[in-house]
Protein backbone atom coordinates (compact mmCIF):
# COMPACT_ATOMS: atom_id res chain seq x y z
CA UNK A 1 0.01 0.00 -0.01
CA UNK A 2 1.34 3.42 -0.92
CA UNK A 3 1.29 6.31 1.50
CA UNK A 4 -1.14 9.12 0.61
CA UNK A 5 1.41 11.84 1.25
CA UNK A 6 4.52 12.17 -0.90
CA UNK A 7 7.89 11.52 0.72
CA UNK A 8 9.79 14.54 1.93
CA UNK A 9 12.44 15.59 -0.59
CA UNK A 10 13.35 18.81 1.21
CA UNK A 11 16.70 17.53 2.51
CA UNK A 12 17.80 16.45 -0.95
CA UNK A 13 16.54 19.73 -2.41
CA UNK A 14 18.39 21.76 0.22
CA UNK A 15 21.61 19.81 -0.46
CA UNK A 16 21.26 20.28 -4.23
CA UNK A 17 20.79 24.04 -3.73
CA UNK A 18 23.80 24.24 -1.38
CA UNK A 19 26.06 22.35 -3.77
CA UNK A 20 25.14 24.59 -6.69
CA UNK A 21 25.44 27.80 -4.67
CA UNK A 22 28.90 26.85 -3.39
CA UNK A 23 29.96 26.13 -6.97
CA UNK A 24 28.78 29.61 -7.97
CA UNK A 25 25.89 28.59 -10.22
CA UNK A 26 23.37 31.37 -11.06
CA UNK A 27 20.12 31.50 -9.01
CA UNK A 28 17.88 30.94 -12.07
CA UNK A 29 19.75 27.76 -13.04
CA UNK A 30 19.59 26.56 -9.43
CA UNK A 31 15.84 27.09 -9.46
CA UNK A 32 15.55 25.13 -12.72
CA UNK A 33 17.56 22.26 -11.18
CA UNK A 34 15.42 22.22 -8.03
CA UNK A 35 12.13 22.13 -10.05
CA UNK A 36 13.38 19.43 -12.39
CA UNK A 37 14.61 17.33 -9.43
CA UNK A 38 11.26 17.74 -7.63
CA UNK A 39 9.36 16.57 -10.73
CA UNK A 40 11.48 13.45 -11.06
CA UNK A 41 11.26 12.68 -7.34
CA UNK A 42 7.49 13.01 -7.16
CA UNK A 43 7.10 10.96 -10.37
CA UNK A 44 9.14 8.14 -8.83
CA UNK A 45 6.80 8.18 -5.89
CA UNK A 46 3.52 8.74 -7.67
CA UNK A 47 3.90 6.64 -10.81
CA UNK A 48 6.50 4.04 -9.81
CA UNK A 49 5.33 3.53 -6.23
CA UNK A 50 8.72 4.15 -4.66
CA UNK A 51 8.12 5.18 -1.02
CA UNK A 52 11.54 6.95 -0.79
CA UNK A 53 13.27 7.27 -4.19
CA UNK A 54 17.08 7.16 -4.25
CA UNK A 55 18.78 10.32 -5.49
CA UNK A 56 22.24 10.63 -7.02
CA UNK A 57 23.80 14.04 -7.62
CA UNK A 58 27.04 14.46 -9.57
CA UNK A 59 28.62 17.85 -10.14
CA UNK A 60 31.49 18.02 -12.58
CA UNK A 61 33.10 21.43 -13.17
CA UNK A 62 30.62 22.35 -15.91
CA UNK A 63 27.81 19.75 -15.68
CA UNK A 64 25.25 18.84 -13.06
CA UNK A 65 23.67 15.41 -13.30
CA UNK A 66 20.76 14.45 -11.08
CA UNK A 67 19.36 10.93 -11.16
CA UNK A 68 16.31 9.54 -9.38
CA UNK A 69 16.05 5.76 -9.02
CA UNK A 70 12.85 3.76 -8.54
CA UNK A 71 11.89 0.14 -8.45
CA UNK A 72 9.45 0.12 -11.37
CA UNK A 73 10.76 -1.18 -14.70
CA UNK A 74 8.02 0.53 -16.71
CA UNK A 75 9.34 3.41 -18.81
CA UNK A 76 7.30 6.61 -19.05
CA UNK A 77 5.05 6.88 -22.08
CA UNK A 78 5.52 9.72 -24.52
CA UNK A 79 2.52 11.97 -24.75
CA UNK A 80 1.62 13.92 -27.83
CA UNK A 81 0.15 16.83 -25.87
CA UNK A 82 -1.34 17.11 -22.39
CA UNK A 83 -4.76 18.58 -21.74
CA UNK A 84 -4.05 22.24 -20.75
CA UNK A 85 -6.62 21.89 -17.94
CA UNK A 86 -5.37 18.57 -16.57
CA UNK A 87 -3.90 18.69 -13.07
CA UNK A 88 -1.02 16.35 -14.07
CA UNK A 89 0.71 14.96 -17.10
CA UNK A 90 3.22 17.66 -17.99
CA UNK A 91 6.03 16.92 -15.50
CA UNK A 92 8.47 15.26 -17.91
CA UNK A 93 7.80 17.91 -20.54
CA UNK A 94 8.71 20.46 -17.87
CA UNK A 95 11.95 18.59 -17.02
CA UNK A 96 12.79 18.42 -20.72
CA UNK A 97 12.22 22.15 -21.11
CA UNK A 98 14.24 23.15 -18.00
CA UNK A 99 17.31 20.96 -18.63
CA UNK A 100 19.87 20.43 -21.37
CA UNK A 101 19.67 16.64 -21.41
CA UNK A 102 17.10 14.20 -19.98
CA UNK A 103 16.64 10.48 -20.15
CA UNK A 104 15.44 7.26 -18.65
CA UNK A 105 17.53 4.10 -18.37
CA UNK A 106 16.27 0.69 -17.39
CA UNK A 107 18.31 -1.04 -14.70
CA UNK A 108 18.13 -4.44 -13.06
CA UNK A 109 16.09 -3.11 -10.13
CA UNK A 110 13.80 -0.66 -11.99
CA UNK A 111 14.84 2.48 -13.78
CA UNK A 112 16.88 5.65 -13.42
CA UNK A 113 15.45 8.94 -14.64
CA UNK A 114 18.03 11.68 -14.98
CA UNK A 115 18.74 15.19 -16.24
CA UNK A 116 21.82 17.26 -16.88
CA UNK A 117 22.34 21.00 -16.74
CA UNK A 118 25.37 22.82 -18.08
CA UNK A 119 26.99 25.52 -15.90
CA UNK A 120 26.94 28.13 -18.65
CA UNK A 121 23.14 27.99 -18.87
């Protein structure tokens, strides 16, 4: 049974913000990274049923990579266009628009959904 309330991602979000601030990334890019992360995290909970998704953050000198792991092997379906009045269904489109690269990779225990942002955004 899945919990009705989403897991708390505030600690991971705070850490992501602190890492990017200390590396001197611009506030608008940090905000994009936080929002894209939040979308992936909530999707892992809501659609993959992961009660507490694993998060991996890698910061190279010019590239941030954030990956969210879940235990569901089902890959997200591509949607032609979401209903503009729907309360959900545009999260991955938002991630795609906010980031430079985005993808989903199947792994033995489920899948990893990730995005990358370049420092010179």
